[in-house]
């Protein structure tokens, strides 16, 4: 554990006290034993694993603190890149505390020791560099200093490893910092900035598309989701969210036909949350997108029935352009009507039943019609209601 006198000197920037502890007041007269004791003293850490340099970096940026940092680095250069229990370096600590002067001083020390890149690109256990800390506290001065030292920081880490600084800036609403990060990134690849912008609204979405020249609209996250998947999944389709969806779709119309790692297309995502306006937008852009199937062979109508999104079902039933998907069957041979009966959703079932194009006589992979399922698979009371309704019909007719 760190000696209390060393901790006090580091936290308060007491340069003279630190010199005395390290035997720097009379270095020529120090014995080998005293030098060894001073070295061991420097190796002490706090309960969080912070070294003396961590404490100096987090607590000040005036000249006395800088002198303390230089002295510690001279006596124990490994502490410059040492990490605490959370993986933070002294640079992380300085950036988190908003200490502009200390951040710059530590970078200068690392440059002199030829450890600049090692220090700047060190990630903690959250896969974040000191740049992430500067973004989180919203400090454009520190962001600028870090990027001047290493512009590549804006692209660390890759999406599969963690959250990029640009993604974080947009998510936190730090638009001025986000613009700086975007301008310092030679490529938007891997940043997934637009995913974050979509969640914040149409203005941030517009900004990211402009900064990246629409390139961000083509990027996927670790789940294979494009920004259009995110936009389609916004449940409250008000004017702003509709604009978001429209902007992303215009930037990359091909995203309509890109499935995520689970086999879901944007239209499936929209249907699952009841985003009728998004579904309508996609169908209006390309009515062929209505027939896209997920990994289970289901269209957006199947998904809407399965998720009990009545508004989406009613929209599909009332749109003449979608008559051709009404009887499409999934991998199990089930139509949307089969699924409505299986789910026991009478209002959804009724909406489909009133649609002229919906057929009642189609069988699934088990050889069952919707009436068969109503008789054998649904709870007795609900089964009676459904079967009683179907018995009024000739199985070969439609309504």
Protein backbone atom coordinates (compact mmCIF):
# COMPACT_ATOMS: atom_id res chain seq x y z
CA UNK A 1 0.00 0.00 0.00
CA UNK A 2 1.09 3.55 -0.66
CA UNK A 3 2.69 5.42 2.23
CA UNK A 4 0.38 8.11 3.58
CA UNK A 5 3.04 10.81 3.30
CA UNK A 6 3.59 10.00 -0.37
CA UNK A 7 -0.17 10.04 -1.01
CA UNK A 8 -0.51 13.42 0.69
CA UNK A 9 2.40 14.94 -1.21
CA UNK A 10 1.05 13.66 -4.54
CA UNK A 11 -2.55 14.79 -3.94
CA UNK A 12 -1.52 18.26 -2.77
CA UNK A 13 1.29 18.79 -5.24
CA UNK A 14 3.91 19.29 -2.51
CA UNK A 15 7.04 19.16 -4.62
CA UNK A 16 9.48 19.80 -1.76
CA UNK A 17 7.90 17.09 0.40
CA UNK A 18 8.04 14.68 -2.51
CA UNK A 19 11.73 15.48 -3.12
CA UNK A 20 12.47 14.78 0.53
CA UNK A 21 10.62 11.46 0.48
CA UNK A 22 12.52 10.37 -2.62
CA UNK A 23 15.90 11.55 -1.29
CA UNK A 24 16.22 14.18 -4.02
CA UNK A 25 17.29 16.97 -1.66
CA UNK A 26 20.76 15.43 -1.35
CA UNK A 27 20.94 12.75 -4.05
CA UNK A 28 24.76 12.53 -3.96
CA UNK A 29 24.74 11.82 -0.25
CA UNK A 30 22.09 9.11 -0.43
CA UNK A 31 23.18 5.59 0.41
CA UNK A 32 22.26 2.56 -1.66
CA UNK A 33 19.82 1.53 1.06
CA UNK A 34 18.09 4.91 1.01
CA UNK A 35 17.81 4.79 -2.78
CA UNK A 36 16.29 1.34 -2.59
CA UNK A 37 13.81 2.45 0.05
CA UNK A 38 12.79 5.41 -2.10
CA UNK A 39 12.29 3.08 -5.06
CA UNK A 40 10.07 0.78 -3.00
CA UNK A 41 8.15 3.80 -1.75
CA UNK A 42 7.32 4.74 -5.35
CA UNK A 43 5.94 1.29 -6.02
CA UNK A 44 3.18 1.73 -3.44
CA UNK A 45 -0.40 2.00 -4.72
CA UNK A 46 -3.77 2.95 -3.25
CA UNK A 47 -6.63 0.51 -2.70
CA UNK A 48 -7.80 1.34 -6.25
CA UNK A 49 -4.36 0.57 -7.65
CA UNK A 50 -3.48 4.23 -8.28
CA UNK A 51 0.20 5.12 -8.32
CA UNK A 52 1.62 8.42 -7.09
CA UNK A 53 1.51 9.66 -10.69
CA UNK A 54 -2.23 8.86 -10.91
CA UNK A 55 -2.81 10.99 -7.83
CA UNK A 56 -0.73 13.89 -9.11
CA UNK A 57 -2.45 13.78 -12.51
CA UNK A 58 -5.95 13.78 -11.06
CA UNK A 59 -5.46 16.60 -8.59
CA UNK A 60 -3.75 19.50 -10.30
CA UNK A 61 -2.15 21.09 -13.34
CA UNK A 62 -0.24 23.99 -11.83
CA UNK A 63 3.57 24.10 -12.07
CA UNK A 64 4.09 22.36 -8.73
CA UNK A 65 1.97 19.40 -9.87
CA UNK A 66 3.83 19.26 -13.18
CA UNK A 67 7.13 19.28 -11.32
CA UNK A 68 5.89 16.41 -9.16
CA UNK A 69 4.92 14.46 -12.28
CA UNK A 70 8.33 15.05 -13.84
CA UNK A 71 10.13 13.97 -10.66
CA UNK A 72 8.06 10.78 -10.36
CA UNK A 73 8.67 9.99 -14.02
CA UNK A 74 12.41 10.53 -13.57
CA UNK A 75 12.59 8.19 -10.58
CA UNK A 76 10.17 5.54 -11.89
CA UNK A 77 9.51 5.89 -15.64
CA UNK A 78 7.29 2.80 -15.77
CA UNK A 79 4.61 4.65 -13.83
CA UNK A 80 3.88 6.79 -16.89
CA UNK A 81 2.06 3.89 -18.55
CA UNK A 82 1.11 2.00 -15.37
CA UNK A 83 -2.57 1.03 -15.07
CA UNK A 84 -4.68 0.89 -11.93
CA UNK A 85 -7.28 -1.74 -11.03
CA UNK A 86 -9.65 -0.37 -13.69
CA UNK A 87 -6.96 -0.23 -16.34
CA UNK A 88 -6.67 3.58 -16.21
CA UNK A 89 -3.33 5.30 -16.76
CA UNK A 90 -2.40 8.66 -15.25
CA UNK A 91 -3.51 10.19 -18.57
CA UNK A 92 -7.00 8.74 -18.09
CA UNK A 93 -7.06 10.31 -14.61
CA UNK A 94 -5.96 13.73 -15.85
CA UNK A 95 -8.46 13.75 -18.71
CA UNK A 96 -11.30 12.62 -16.43
CA UNK A 97 -10.49 15.45 -14.03
CA UNK A 98 -10.39 18.00 -16.86
CA UNK A 99 -6.77 18.98 -16.20
CA UNK A 100 -5.69 20.47 -19.55
CA UNK A 101 -2.18 21.38 -18.46
CA UNK A 102 -1.50 17.99 -16.90
CA UNK A 103 -2.76 16.13 -19.97
CA UNK A 104 -0.38 18.12 -22.14
CA UNK A 105 2.49 17.63 -19.69
CA UNK A 106 2.03 13.86 -19.55
CA UNK A 107 1.98 13.71 -23.34
CA UNK A 108 5.22 15.70 -23.44
CA UNK A 109 6.83 13.32 -20.94
CA UNK A 110 5.71 10.34 -23.01
CA UNK A 111 7.03 11.92 -26.20
CA UNK A 112 10.45 12.46 -24.61
CA UNK A 113 10.48 8.84 -23.44
CA UNK A 114 9.22 7.62 -26.83
CA UNK A 115 6.12 6.21 -25.20
CA UNK A 116 3.64 8.66 -26.71
CA UNK A 117 1.65 6.17 -28.78
CA UNK A 118 1.70 3.55 -26.02
CA UNK A 119 0.29 6.01 -23.51
CA UNK A 120 -2.30 7.61 -25.79
CA UNK A 121 -3.70 4.34 -27.13
CA UNK A 122 -3.82 2.43 -23.86
CA UNK A 123 -7.37 1.26 -23.20
CA UNK A 124 -8.77 0.56 -19.76
CA UNK A 125 -10.98 -2.39 -18.84
CA UNK A 126 -13.97 -0.62 -20.44
CA UNK A 127 -12.04 -0.49 -23.72
CA UNK A 128 -11.71 3.28 -23.51
CA UNK A 129 -8.73 5.57 -24.05
CA UNK A 130 -8.13 8.94 -22.38
CA UNK A 131 -9.99 10.48 -25.33
CA UNK A 132 -13.19 8.81 -24.17
CA UNK A 133 -12.76 10.46 -20.78
CA UNK A 134 -12.29 13.88 -22.41
CA UNK A 135 -15.45 13.32 -24.47
CA UNK A 136 -17.39 12.22 -21.41
CA UNK A 137 -16.53 15.37 -19.45
CA UNK A 138 -17.24 17.46 -22.56
CA UNK A 139 -13.82 19.13 -22.73
CA UNK A 140 -12.99 20.24 -26.30
CA UNK A 141 -9.55 21.56 -25.27
CA UNK A 142 -8.37 18.17 -24.04
CA UNK A 143 -10.00 16.45 -27.01
CA UNK A 144 -8.09 18.75 -29.35
CA UNK A 145 -4.77 18.16 -27.56
CA UNK A 146 -5.17 14.39 -27.65
CA UNK A 147 -6.13 14.37 -31.33
CA UNK A 148 -3.20 16.67 -32.18
CA UNK A 149 -0.90 14.14 -30.56
CA UNK A 150 -2.57 11.15 -32.25
CA UNK A 151 -5.41 11.61 -34.74
CA UNK A 152 -5.92 7.84 -34.92
CA UNK A 153 -7.45 7.92 -31.43
CA UNK A 154 -10.79 8.87 -32.99
CA UNK A 155 -10.99 5.36 -34.44
CA UNK A 156 -10.12 3.38 -31.30
CA UNK A 157 -11.58 0.92 -30.54
CA UNK A 158 -13.25 -0.99 -33.34
CA UNK A 159 -17.01 -1.63 -32.79
CA UNK A 160 -16.51 -5.26 -31.81
CA UNK A 161 -14.25 -4.13 -28.97
CA UNK A 162 -16.14 -1.18 -27.55
CA UNK A 163 -17.68 2.26 -28.11
CA UNK A 164 -15.89 4.75 -30.33
CA UNK A 165 -15.29 8.34 -29.07
CA UNK A 166 -17.46 9.70 -31.89
CA UNK A 167 -20.34 7.39 -30.97
CA UNK A 168 -20.00 8.50 -27.35
CA UNK A 169 -19.90 12.20 -28.24
CA UNK A 170 -23.07 11.97 -30.29
CA UNK A 171 -24.84 9.93 -27.66
CA UNK A 172 -23.97 12.56 -25.03
CA UNK A 173 -25.07 15.43 -27.27
CA UNK A 174 -21.58 16.96 -27.51
CA UNK A 175 -22.05 18.09 -31.11
CA UNK A 176 -19.01 20.39 -31.26
CA UNK A 177 -16.76 17.58 -30.06
CA UNK A 178 -18.46 15.11 -32.38
CA UNK A 179 -17.75 17.35 -35.36
CA UNK A 180 -14.08 17.60 -34.36
CA UNK A 181 -13.84 13.83 -34.06
CA UNK A 182 -15.53 13.30 -37.40
CA UNK A 183 -13.16 15.72 -39.11
CA UNK A 184 -10.16 13.94 -37.61
CA UNK A 185 -11.32 10.55 -38.83
CA UNK A 186 -10.10 9.61 -42.29
CA UNK A 187 -12.90 7.06 -42.49
CA UNK A 188 -16.24 6.54 -40.76
CA UNK A 189 -15.72 2.80 -40.89
CA UNK A 190 -16.24 1.19 -37.55
CA UNK A 191 -17.44 4.33 -35.78
CA UNK A 192 -21.16 3.55 -35.92
CA UNK A 193 -21.74 7.24 -35.20
CA UNK A 194 -25.03 7.30 -37.05
CA UNK A 195 -26.46 4.59 -34.81
CA UNK A 196 -26.07 6.97 -31.88
CA UNK A 197 -27.32 9.98 -33.85
CA UNK A 198 -30.50 8.16 -34.84
CA UNK A 199 -31.36 7.70 -31.17
CA UNK A 200 -30.95 11.45 -30.54
CA UNK A 201 -33.09 12.86 -33.34
CA UNK A 202 -33.15 14.35 -36.81
CA UNK A 203 -30.65 17.18 -36.24
CA UNK A 204 -27.78 14.95 -34.99
CA UNK A 205 -28.64 12.48 -37.75
CA UNK A 206 -28.39 15.21 -40.36
CA UNK A 207 -25.05 16.37 -38.92
CA UNK A 208 -23.44 12.92 -39.00
CA UNK A 209 -24.62 12.26 -42.54
CA UNK A 210 -23.09 15.57 -43.63
CA UNK A 211 -19.82 15.03 -41.72
CA UNK A 212 -19.35 11.54 -43.16
CA UNK A 213 -20.82 12.29 -46.62
CA UNK A 214 -23.46 9.57 -46.05
CA UNK A 215 -20.78 6.93 -45.47
CA UNK A 216 -22.03 6.28 -41.92
CA UNK A 217 -25.39 5.15 -43.32
CA UNK A 218 -23.67 2.07 -44.76
CA UNK A 219 -21.98 0.89 -41.57
CA UNK A 220 -23.22 -1.96 -39.37
CA UNK A 221 -22.75 -2.55 -35.67
CA UNK A 222 -21.58 -5.79 -34.08
CA UNK A 223 -25.08 -7.25 -34.47
CA UNK A 224 -25.13 -6.50 -38.18
CA UNK A 225 -27.69 -3.73 -37.70
CA UNK A 226 -27.53 -0.75 -40.02
CA UNK A 227 -28.60 2.73 -38.87
CA UNK A 228 -31.86 2.06 -40.75
CA UNK A 229 -32.57 -0.86 -38.41
CA UNK A 230 -32.16 1.58 -35.50
CA UNK A 231 -34.39 4.18 -37.14
CA UNK A 232 -37.04 1.59 -37.95
CA UNK A 233 -37.06 0.45 -34.34
CA UNK A 234 -37.99 3.85 -32.91
CA UNK A 235 -41.37 3.04 -31.34
CA UNK A 236 -42.76 6.58 -31.16
CA UNK A 237 -43.08 7.61 -34.79
CA UNK A 238 -43.61 11.34 -34.34
CA UNK A 239 -42.56 13.96 -36.88
CA UNK A 240 -38.94 13.97 -35.72
CA UNK A 241 -38.49 10.19 -35.74
CA UNK A 242 -40.16 9.97 -39.15
CA UNK A 243 -37.63 12.53 -40.40
CA UNK A 244 -34.81 10.45 -38.93
CA UNK A 245 -36.01 7.36 -40.75
CA UNK A 246 -36.44 9.29 -43.98
CA UNK A 247 -32.94 10.81 -43.79
CA UNK A 248 -31.25 7.47 -43.19
CA UNK A 249 -33.26 5.75 -45.91
CA UNK A 250 -32.43 8.48 -48.43
CA UNK A 251 -28.73 8.22 -47.54
CA UNK A 252 -28.70 4.46 -48.14
CA UNK A 253 -31.81 3.03 -49.89
CA UNK A 254 -30.08 -0.34 -50.24
CA UNK A 255 -30.31 -0.79 -46.46
CA UNK A 256 -33.93 -1.83 -47.02
CA UNK A 257 -32.55 -5.12 -48.31
CA UNK A 258 -29.85 -5.67 -45.68
CA UNK A 259 -30.62 -8.15 -42.91
CA UNK A 260 -28.94 -8.10 -39.51
CA UNK A 261 -27.23 -11.11 -37.94
CA UNK A 262 -30.63 -12.45 -36.84
CA UNK A 263 -32.02 -12.30 -40.36
CA UNK A 264 -34.25 -9.30 -39.68
CA UNK A 265 -34.71 -6.57 -42.27
CA UNK A 266 -35.62 -3.00 -41.25
CA UNK A 267 -39.26 -3.60 -42.18
CA UNK A 268 -39.42 -6.51 -39.72
CA UNK A 269 -38.00 -4.29 -36.98
CA UNK A 270 -40.57 -1.58 -37.71
CA UNK A 271 -43.43 -4.08 -37.68
CA UNK A 272 -42.30 -5.59 -34.38
CA UNK A 273 -42.60 -2.23 -32.56
CA UNK A 274 -45.75 -1.09 -34.35
CA UNK A 275 -44.04 1.67 -36.36
CA UNK A 276 -46.73 1.93 -39.04
CA UNK A 277 -45.31 5.10 -40.58
CA UNK A 278 -41.92 3.48 -41.03
CA UNK A 279 -43.49 0.39 -42.63
CA UNK A 280 -45.49 2.63 -44.96
CA UNK A 281 -42.35 4.58 -45.85
CA UNK A 282 -40.50 1.38 -46.74
CA UNK A 283 -43.38 0.00 -48.81
CA UNK A 284 -43.73 3.33 -50.59
CA UNK A 285 -40.00 3.30 -51.37
CA UNK A 286 -40.18 -0.27 -52.66
CA UNK A 287 -43.26 -2.46 -52.39
CA UNK A 288 -41.01 -5.48 -52.97
CA UNK A 289 -39.56 -4.93 -49.49
CA UNK A 290 -42.91 -6.12 -48.09
CA UNK A 291 -42.09 -9.64 -49.22
CA UNK A 292 -38.73 -9.86 -47.48
CA UNK A 293 -38.51 -12.86 -45.16
CA UNK A 294 -36.59 -13.26 -41.94
CA UNK A 295 -34.74 -16.39 -40.80
CA UNK A 296 -38.09 -18.07 -40.06
CA UNK A 297 -39.36 -17.28 -43.53
CA UNK A 298 -41.76 -14.65 -42.19
CA UNK A 299 -42.76 -11.35 -43.73
CA UNK A 300 -43.37 -8.18 -41.76
CA UNK A 301 -47.07 -9.16 -41.62
CA UNK A 302 -46.21 -12.42 -39.87
CA UNK A 303 -44.07 -10.45 -37.42
CA UNK A 304 -46.83 -7.89 -36.78
CA UNK A 305 -49.30 -10.72 -36.02
CA UNK A 306 -46.80 -12.50 -33.80
CA UNK A 307 -46.07 -9.28 -31.84
CA UNK A 308 -49.78 -8.36 -31.73
CA UNK A 309 -49.23 -5.05 -33.53
CA UNK A 310 -52.82 -4.56 -34.67
CA UNK A 311 -52.22 -1.20 -36.36
CA UNK A 312 -49.58 -2.69 -38.64
CA UNK A 313 -51.86 -5.63 -39.47
CA UNK A 314 -54.75 -3.27 -40.29
CA UNK A 315 -52.42 -1.15 -42.44
CA UNK A 316 -51.32 -4.19 -44.43
CA UNK A 317 -54.91 -5.40 -44.85
CA UNK A 318 -56.08 -2.01 -46.13
CA UNK A 319 -53.22 -1.45 -48.59
CA UNK A 320 -54.08 -2.85 -52.06
CA UNK A 321 -50.38 -2.97 -52.95
CA UNK A 322 -49.88 -5.63 -50.28
CA UNK A 323 -52.53 -8.11 -51.40
CA UNK A 324 -49.80 -10.39 -52.73
CA UNK A 325 -48.27 -11.04 -49.29
CA UNK A 326 -51.50 -11.90 -47.45
CA UNK A 327 -51.17 -15.64 -47.95
CA UNK A 328 -47.39 -16.01 -47.90
CA UNK A 329 -46.29 -18.92 -45.73
CA UNK A 330 -43.32 -19.13 -43.38
CA UNK A 331 -40.91 -22.03 -42.98
CA UNK A 332 -43.59 -23.96 -41.08
CA UNK A 333 -46.17 -23.31 -43.75
CA UNK A 334 -48.10 -20.85 -41.60
CA UNK A 335 -49.81 -17.82 -43.08
CA UNK A 336 -50.47 -14.71 -41.01
CA UNK A 337 -53.97 -16.09 -40.36
CA UNK A 338 -52.52 -19.31 -38.96
CA UNK A 339 -50.35 -17.28 -36.57
CA UNK A 340 -53.29 -15.11 -35.49
CA UNK A 341 -55.25 -18.21 -34.51
CA UNK A 342 -52.21 -19.76 -32.81
CA UNK A 343 -51.74 -16.55 -30.78
CA UNK A 344 -55.44 -16.41 -29.91
CA UNK A 345 -55.71 -12.75 -30.92
CA UNK A 346 -59.32 -12.29 -31.99
CA UNK A 347 -59.02 -8.67 -33.20
CA UNK A 348 -55.96 -9.46 -35.30
CA UNK A 349 -57.70 -12.55 -36.64
CA UNK A 350 -60.81 -10.50 -37.48
CA UNK A 351 -58.77 -7.87 -39.36
CA UNK A 352 -57.26 -10.59 -41.55
CA UNK A 353 -60.58 -12.39 -41.95
CA UNK A 354 -62.25 -9.27 -43.33
CA UNK A 355 -59.61 -9.01 -46.05
CA UNK A 356 -60.80 -10.36 -49.38
CA UNK A 357 -57.46 -11.80 -50.43
CA UNK A 358 -56.93 -13.88 -47.27
CA UNK A 359 -57.60 -17.56 -47.90
CA UNK A 360 -59.04 -19.87 -45.26
CA UNK A 361 -58.24 -23.21 -46.83
CA UNK A 362 -54.43 -23.09 -46.87
CA UNK A 363 -52.69 -25.77 -44.85
CA UNK A 364 -49.40 -25.50 -42.99
CA UNK A 365 -46.58 -28.06 -42.76
CA UNK A 366 -48.67 -30.07 -40.28
CA UNK A 367 -51.60 -30.20 -42.67
CA UNK A 368 -53.65 -27.78 -40.58
CA UNK A 369 -55.93 -25.00 -41.76
CA UNK A 370 -56.61 -22.03 -39.45
CA UNK A 371 -59.89 -23.75 -38.49
CA UNK A 372 -58.03 -26.91 -37.48
CA UNK A 373 -55.77 -24.88 -35.23
CA UNK A 374 -58.76 -23.09 -33.71
CA UNK A 375 -60.34 -26.42 -32.84
CA UNK A 376 -57.29 -28.16 -31.40
CA UNK A 377 -54.63 -25.64 -30.39
CA UNK A 378 -56.40 -22.68 -28.78
CA UNK A 379 -57.86 -22.48 -25.27
CA UNK A 380 -61.47 -23.83 -25.18
CA UNK A 381 -63.32 -20.53 -24.73
CA UNK A 382 -61.35 -18.63 -27.37
CA UNK A 383 -61.43 -21.65 -29.66
CA UNK A 384 -65.22 -21.58 -29.55
CA UNK A 385 -65.27 -17.92 -30.58
CA UNK A 386 -62.90 -18.44 -33.48
CA UNK A 387 -64.38 -21.70 -34.67
CA UNK A 388 -67.89 -20.30 -34.41
CA UNK A 389 -66.80 -17.42 -36.64
CA UNK A 390 -65.11 -19.70 -39.18
CA UNK A 391 -68.10 -22.07 -39.34
CA UNK A 392 -70.14 -19.23 -40.79
CA UNK A 393 -67.87 -19.44 -43.81
CA UNK A 394 -67.41 -21.82 -46.65
CA UNK A 395 -63.68 -22.80 -46.40
CA UNK A 396 -63.32 -22.24 -50.14
CA UNK A 397 -64.72 -18.71 -50.00
CA UNK A 398 -63.19 -15.46 -48.82
CA UNK A 399 -64.66 -12.38 -47.26
